[in-house]
Amino acid sequence: MPCLDPVSQNLWGEAPWDELYVIPDRTGHVVAEHQAIVAAINDGDAVKAGQAMQAHLEAGMTMLIEYMANQKR
C-alpha cells in the first residue's frame, strides 16, 4: 500500500472500525466508492479522485451517524 499522507493516516487511526463494519449495506457502498477513487487515480484526475475520496469519507460518516442514532432508540 502506498504511503498515506499524514491527514489520511490520522483519519485511518481514529476511525471507529468496530461500528463501521456492522453498518448494514455499507460494504457494497465502500466497494463502489473505492472503485471510483481508484478509477480517478488511474485516469490521472486528481480533482476527481479528491472528490471521490471526500464523498467516500462523508458517506461513511453519514451512515455511521445514522446507524448510531438508530441504535440509541
N, C-alpha and C. Protein backbone atom coordinates (compact mmCIF):
# COMPACT_ATOMS: atom_id res chain seq x y z
N MET A 1 0.85 -1.18 0.00
CA MET A 1 0.00 0.00 0.00
C MET A 1 0.90 1.24 0.00
N PRO A 2 0.61 2.17 -0.91
CA PRO A 2 1.40 3.40 -0.90
C PRO A 2 1.25 4.12 0.43
N CYS A 3 2.23 4.92 0.73
CA CYS A 3 2.22 5.68 1.98
C CYS A 3 1.08 6.70 1.96
N LEU A 4 0.32 6.71 3.02
CA LEU A 4 -0.76 7.67 3.14
C LEU A 4 -0.20 8.99 3.66
N ASP A 5 -0.80 10.09 3.23
CA ASP A 5 -0.35 11.37 3.76
C ASP A 5 -0.74 11.45 5.24
N PRO A 6 -0.12 12.35 6.00
CA PRO A 6 -0.36 12.41 7.45
C PRO A 6 -1.83 12.59 7.82
N VAL A 7 -2.60 13.36 7.05
CA VAL A 7 -4.02 13.55 7.37
C VAL A 7 -4.76 12.23 7.23
N SER A 8 -4.50 11.51 6.16
CA SER A 8 -5.15 10.22 5.95
C SER A 8 -4.74 9.23 7.03
N GLN A 9 -3.47 9.26 7.41
CA GLN A 9 -3.01 8.36 8.47
C GLN A 9 -3.75 8.63 9.77
N ASN A 10 -3.96 9.89 10.10
CA ASN A 10 -4.69 10.24 11.32
C ASN A 10 -6.14 9.79 11.23
N LEU A 11 -6.78 10.03 10.10
CA LEU A 11 -8.17 9.59 9.94
C LEU A 11 -8.28 8.08 10.05
N TRP A 12 -7.35 7.37 9.41
CA TRP A 12 -7.35 5.91 9.44
C TRP A 12 -7.23 5.40 10.87
N GLY A 13 -6.33 5.99 11.63
CA GLY A 13 -6.09 5.55 13.01
C GLY A 13 -7.23 5.86 13.95
N GLU A 14 -8.01 6.88 13.63
CA GLU A 14 -9.09 7.29 14.52
C GLU A 14 -10.46 6.77 14.11
N ALA A 15 -10.52 6.06 13.01
CA ALA A 15 -11.81 5.57 12.53
C ALA A 15 -12.43 4.57 13.51
N PRO A 16 -13.74 4.67 13.70
CA PRO A 16 -14.43 3.73 14.59
C PRO A 16 -14.72 2.41 13.86
N TRP A 17 -13.67 1.61 13.66
CA TRP A 17 -13.77 0.42 12.82
C TRP A 17 -14.84 -0.56 13.27
N ASP A 18 -14.98 -0.78 14.56
CA ASP A 18 -15.98 -1.74 15.03
C ASP A 18 -17.38 -1.36 14.56
N GLU A 19 -17.70 -0.09 14.65
CA GLU A 19 -19.02 0.37 14.23
C GLU A 19 -19.17 0.36 12.71
N LEU A 20 -18.11 0.75 12.00
CA LEU A 20 -18.20 0.80 10.54
C LEU A 20 -18.46 -0.57 9.93
N TYR A 21 -17.94 -1.61 10.54
CA TYR A 21 -18.10 -2.95 9.97
C TYR A 21 -19.49 -3.54 10.19
N VAL A 22 -20.29 -2.95 11.04
CA VAL A 22 -21.61 -3.53 11.31
C VAL A 22 -22.75 -2.72 10.69
N ILE A 23 -22.42 -1.64 10.00
CA ILE A 23 -23.47 -0.84 9.36
C ILE A 23 -24.03 -1.64 8.19
N PRO A 24 -25.34 -1.88 8.22
CA PRO A 24 -25.96 -2.65 7.13
C PRO A 24 -25.72 -1.99 5.77
N ASP A 25 -25.36 -2.79 4.79
CA ASP A 25 -25.17 -2.37 3.40
C ASP A 25 -23.96 -1.47 3.17
N ARG A 26 -23.15 -1.22 4.18
CA ARG A 26 -22.01 -0.32 3.99
C ARG A 26 -20.95 -0.94 3.07
N THR A 27 -20.76 -2.25 3.18
CA THR A 27 -19.72 -2.90 2.39
C THR A 27 -19.91 -2.67 0.89
N GLY A 28 -21.11 -2.82 0.42
CA GLY A 28 -21.38 -2.60 -1.01
C GLY A 28 -21.08 -1.18 -1.42
N HIS A 29 -21.42 -0.24 -0.57
CA HIS A 29 -21.13 1.17 -0.86
C HIS A 29 -19.62 1.40 -0.90
N VAL A 30 -18.91 0.82 0.06
CA VAL A 30 -17.46 1.01 0.15
C VAL A 30 -16.77 0.51 -1.11
N VAL A 31 -17.18 -0.64 -1.60
CA VAL A 31 -16.56 -1.19 -2.81
C VAL A 31 -16.74 -0.22 -3.97
N ALA A 32 -17.95 0.26 -4.17
CA ALA A 32 -18.21 1.20 -5.27
C ALA A 32 -17.44 2.50 -5.08
N GLU A 33 -17.38 2.99 -3.85
CA GLU A 33 -16.66 4.23 -3.57
C GLU A 33 -15.16 4.06 -3.85
N HIS A 34 -14.61 2.94 -3.43
CA HIS A 34 -13.18 2.69 -3.67
C HIS A 34 -12.91 2.54 -5.17
N GLN A 35 -13.81 1.90 -5.89
CA GLN A 35 -13.64 1.76 -7.33
C GLN A 35 -13.60 3.14 -8.01
N ALA A 36 -14.45 4.06 -7.54
CA ALA A 36 -14.47 5.41 -8.11
C ALA A 36 -13.16 6.14 -7.81
N ILE A 37 -12.65 5.97 -6.61
CA ILE A 37 -11.38 6.61 -6.24
C ILE A 37 -10.24 6.08 -7.09
N VAL A 38 -10.15 4.76 -7.20
CA VAL A 38 -9.06 4.14 -7.97
C VAL A 38 -9.18 4.49 -9.45
N ALA A 39 -10.39 4.51 -9.98
CA ALA A 39 -10.58 4.85 -11.39
C ALA A 39 -10.08 6.27 -11.68
N ALA A 40 -10.41 7.19 -10.79
CA ALA A 40 -9.95 8.57 -10.97
C ALA A 40 -8.43 8.66 -10.89
N ILE A 41 -7.84 7.93 -9.96
CA ILE A 41 -6.38 7.92 -9.86
C ILE A 41 -5.76 7.34 -11.13
N ASN A 42 -6.32 6.23 -11.59
CA ASN A 42 -5.81 5.60 -12.81
C ASN A 42 -5.94 6.52 -14.03
N ASP A 43 -6.98 7.36 -14.03
CA ASP A 43 -7.18 8.31 -15.13
C ASP A 43 -6.28 9.54 -14.98
N GLY A 44 -5.58 9.63 -13.86
CA GLY A 44 -4.72 10.78 -13.62
C GLY A 44 -5.49 12.04 -13.27
N ASP A 45 -6.71 11.88 -12.81
CA ASP A 45 -7.58 13.02 -12.49
C ASP A 45 -7.58 13.26 -10.99
N ALA A 46 -6.67 14.10 -10.54
CA ALA A 46 -6.53 14.35 -9.10
C ALA A 46 -7.76 15.01 -8.51
N VAL A 47 -8.38 15.91 -9.25
CA VAL A 47 -9.58 16.59 -8.74
C VAL A 47 -10.70 15.58 -8.52
N LYS A 48 -10.92 14.74 -9.52
CA LYS A 48 -11.97 13.74 -9.42
C LYS A 48 -11.65 12.73 -8.31
N ALA A 49 -10.40 12.36 -8.16
CA ALA A 49 -10.00 11.43 -7.08
C ALA A 49 -10.26 12.07 -5.73
N GLY A 50 -9.93 13.34 -5.59
CA GLY A 50 -10.18 14.04 -4.33
C GLY A 50 -11.66 14.14 -4.02
N GLN A 51 -12.45 14.42 -5.04
CA GLN A 51 -13.90 14.49 -4.85
C GLN A 51 -14.47 13.13 -4.47
N ALA A 52 -13.98 12.08 -5.11
CA ALA A 52 -14.44 10.73 -4.79
C ALA A 52 -14.06 10.35 -3.37
N MET A 53 -12.86 10.73 -2.95
CA MET A 53 -12.42 10.43 -1.59
C MET A 53 -13.25 11.20 -0.58
N GLN A 54 -13.52 12.46 -0.85
CA GLN A 54 -14.34 13.26 0.05
C GLN A 54 -15.74 12.66 0.15
N ALA A 55 -16.30 12.27 -0.98
CA ALA A 55 -17.63 11.66 -0.98
C ALA A 55 -17.62 10.37 -0.17
N HIS A 56 -16.56 9.59 -0.30
CA HIS A 56 -16.42 8.33 0.44
C HIS A 56 -16.40 8.59 1.94
N LEU A 57 -15.59 9.54 2.38
CA LEU A 57 -15.50 9.84 3.81
C LEU A 57 -16.82 10.39 4.35
N GLU A 58 -17.45 11.26 3.59
CA GLU A 58 -18.71 11.83 4.03
C GLU A 58 -19.82 10.78 4.08
N ALA A 59 -19.84 9.88 3.11
CA ALA A 59 -20.85 8.82 3.11
C ALA A 59 -20.67 7.91 4.32
N GLY A 60 -19.43 7.56 4.61
CA GLY A 60 -19.17 6.72 5.78
C GLY A 60 -19.59 7.40 7.06
N MET A 61 -19.27 8.69 7.18
CA MET A 61 -19.64 9.43 8.38
C MET A 61 -21.16 9.53 8.51
N THR A 62 -21.83 9.83 7.41
CA THR A 62 -23.29 9.95 7.44
C THR A 62 -23.94 8.63 7.83
N MET A 63 -23.49 7.55 7.22
CA MET A 63 -24.07 6.24 7.54
C MET A 63 -23.79 5.85 8.99
N LEU A 64 -22.60 6.18 9.48
CA LEU A 64 -22.26 5.88 10.87
C LEU A 64 -23.13 6.68 11.84
N ILE A 65 -23.31 7.94 11.57
CA ILE A 65 -24.16 8.79 12.43
C ILE A 65 -25.58 8.25 12.45
N GLU A 66 -26.12 7.94 11.28
CA GLU A 66 -27.48 7.39 11.20
C GLU A 66 -27.59 6.06 11.94
N TYR A 67 -26.61 5.20 11.76
CA TYR A 67 -26.63 3.90 12.41
C TYR A 67 -26.59 4.07 13.94
N MET A 68 -25.70 4.92 14.41
CA MET A 68 -25.58 5.10 15.86
C MET A 68 -26.82 5.77 16.45
N ALA A 69 -27.41 6.69 15.72
CA ALA A 69 -28.65 7.34 16.19
C ALA A 69 -29.76 6.31 16.31
N ASN A 70 -29.85 5.40 15.36
CA ASN A 70 -30.89 4.37 15.41
C ASN A 70 -30.64 3.36 16.52
N GLN A 71 -29.40 3.16 16.90
CA GLN A 71 -29.08 2.20 17.97
C GLN A 71 -29.50 2.73 19.33
N LYS A 72 -29.58 4.04 19.47
CA LYS A 72 -29.96 4.64 20.75
C LYS A 72 -31.46 4.62 20.99
N ARG A 73 -32.23 4.32 19.97
CA ARG A 73 -33.70 4.32 20.09
C ARG A 73 -34.19 3.09 20.75
